[in-house]
């Protein structure tokens, strides 16, 4: 099982991604739901 943090560098949103190479399972969960900047400043 591998764990990664996926980051949107435009607005600061983050997800945790768990990936299992043996079972081809991938789970994505939010770590930061709210953007840190507005759409106009992205």
N, C-alpha and C. Protein backbone atom coordinates (compact mmCIF):
# COMPACT_ATOMS: atom_id res chain seq x y z
N UNK A 1 0.85 -1.17 0.00
CA UNK A 1 0.00 0.00 0.00
C UNK A 1 0.90 1.24 0.00
N UNK A 2 0.63 2.14 -0.91
CA UNK A 2 1.37 3.40 -1.04
C UNK A 2 0.43 4.54 -0.67
N UNK A 3 0.97 5.55 0.00
CA UNK A 3 0.21 6.74 0.37
C UNK A 3 0.87 7.96 -0.24
N UNK A 4 0.08 8.80 -0.88
CA UNK A 4 0.57 10.02 -1.51
C UNK A 4 -0.33 11.18 -1.11
N UNK A 5 0.20 12.39 -1.23
CA UNK A 5 -0.61 13.60 -1.10
C UNK A 5 -0.68 14.24 -2.47
N UNK A 6 -1.90 14.41 -2.96
CA UNK A 6 -2.12 15.08 -4.24
C UNK A 6 -2.45 16.53 -3.94
N UNK A 7 -1.72 17.46 -4.54
CA UNK A 7 -1.85 18.88 -4.25
C UNK A 7 -2.21 19.65 -5.51
N UNK A 8 -3.25 20.46 -5.41
CA UNK A 8 -3.57 21.40 -6.47
C UNK A 8 -2.78 22.67 -6.16
N UNK A 9 -1.73 22.94 -6.92
CA UNK A 9 -0.85 24.07 -6.64
C UNK A 9 -1.47 25.42 -6.98
N UNK A 10 -2.60 25.43 -7.65
CA UNK A 10 -3.28 26.69 -7.97
C UNK A 10 -4.08 27.23 -6.80
N UNK A 11 -4.74 26.31 -6.06
CA UNK A 11 -5.62 26.80 -4.99
C UNK A 11 -5.35 26.17 -3.62
N UNK A 12 -4.42 25.25 -3.51
CA UNK A 12 -4.02 24.70 -2.22
C UNK A 12 -4.85 23.53 -1.72
N UNK A 13 -5.80 23.03 -2.51
CA UNK A 13 -6.58 21.87 -2.08
C UNK A 13 -5.69 20.63 -2.07
N UNK A 14 -5.95 19.72 -1.09
CA UNK A 14 -5.14 18.51 -0.95
C UNK A 14 -6.03 17.28 -0.80
N UNK A 15 -5.53 16.16 -1.30
CA UNK A 15 -6.18 14.86 -1.16
C UNK A 15 -5.13 13.86 -0.72
N UNK A 16 -5.57 12.85 0.03
CA UNK A 16 -4.72 11.70 0.33
C UNK A 16 -5.10 10.60 -0.65
N UNK A 17 -4.10 10.04 -1.31
CA UNK A 17 -4.33 8.96 -2.28
C UNK A 17 -3.64 7.71 -1.76
N UNK A 18 -4.41 6.63 -1.59
CA UNK A 18 -3.86 5.33 -1.23
C UNK A 18 -3.95 4.44 -2.45
N UNK A 19 -2.83 3.80 -2.77
CA UNK A 19 -2.76 2.98 -3.97
C UNK A 19 -2.16 1.64 -3.61
N UNK A 20 -2.84 0.57 -4.03
CA UNK A 20 -2.38 -0.79 -3.79
C UNK A 20 -2.02 -1.41 -5.13
N UNK A 21 -0.76 -1.73 -5.35
CA UNK A 21 -0.33 -2.27 -6.64
C UNK A 21 -0.77 -3.72 -6.85
N UNK A 22 -0.94 -4.47 -5.78
CA UNK A 22 -1.31 -5.88 -5.93
C UNK A 22 -2.80 -6.04 -6.28
N UNK A 23 -3.66 -5.23 -5.67
CA UNK A 23 -5.09 -5.37 -5.89
C UNK A 23 -5.66 -4.31 -6.81
N UNK A 24 -4.83 -3.43 -7.31
CA UNK A 24 -5.26 -2.32 -8.17
C UNK A 24 -6.36 -1.48 -7.52
N UNK A 25 -6.28 -1.32 -6.21
CA UNK A 25 -7.24 -0.48 -5.48
C UNK A 25 -6.66 0.91 -5.29
N UNK A 26 -7.50 1.92 -5.49
CA UNK A 26 -7.08 3.30 -5.27
C UNK A 26 -8.21 4.03 -4.53
N UNK A 27 -7.83 4.69 -3.44
CA UNK A 27 -8.80 5.45 -2.64
C UNK A 27 -8.29 6.87 -2.55
N UNK A 28 -9.19 7.84 -2.78
CA UNK A 28 -8.86 9.26 -2.69
C UNK A 28 -9.78 9.91 -1.67
N UNK A 29 -9.21 10.57 -0.66
CA UNK A 29 -10.00 11.27 0.35
C UNK A 29 -9.50 12.70 0.48
N UNK A 30 -10.40 13.63 0.75
CA UNK A 30 -10.04 15.03 0.91
C UNK A 30 -9.28 15.26 2.20
N UNK A 31 -8.24 16.07 2.12
CA UNK A 31 -7.55 16.56 3.32
C UNK A 31 -7.91 18.03 3.55
N UNK A 32 -8.10 18.75 2.47
CA UNK A 32 -8.46 20.17 2.55
C UNK A 32 -9.55 20.44 1.51
N UNK A 33 -10.79 20.58 1.98
CA UNK A 33 -11.93 20.75 1.07
C UNK A 33 -12.02 22.15 0.48
N UNK A 34 -11.60 23.15 1.23
CA UNK A 34 -11.82 24.53 0.83
C UNK A 34 -10.58 25.12 0.17
N UNK A 35 -10.72 25.78 -0.97
CA UNK A 35 -9.58 26.42 -1.62
C UNK A 35 -9.02 27.53 -0.74
N UNK A 36 -7.71 27.74 -0.80
CA UNK A 36 -7.06 28.77 -0.01
C UNK A 36 -7.07 30.13 -0.70
N UNK A 37 -7.36 30.14 -1.99
CA UNK A 37 -7.44 31.40 -2.75
C UNK A 37 -8.74 31.40 -3.57
N UNK A 38 -9.16 32.56 -3.98
CA UNK A 38 -10.39 32.67 -4.78
C UNK A 38 -10.11 32.26 -6.22
N UNK A 39 -11.19 31.99 -6.96
CA UNK A 39 -11.07 31.61 -8.38
C UNK A 39 -10.37 32.69 -9.19
N UNK A 40 -10.63 33.97 -8.85
CA UNK A 40 -10.05 35.08 -9.61
C UNK A 40 -8.53 35.15 -9.43
N UNK A 41 -8.01 34.68 -8.29
CA UNK A 41 -6.56 34.77 -8.01
C UNK A 41 -5.80 33.50 -8.36
N UNK A 42 -6.48 32.47 -8.81
CA UNK A 42 -5.80 31.21 -9.18
C UNK A 42 -4.86 31.42 -10.34
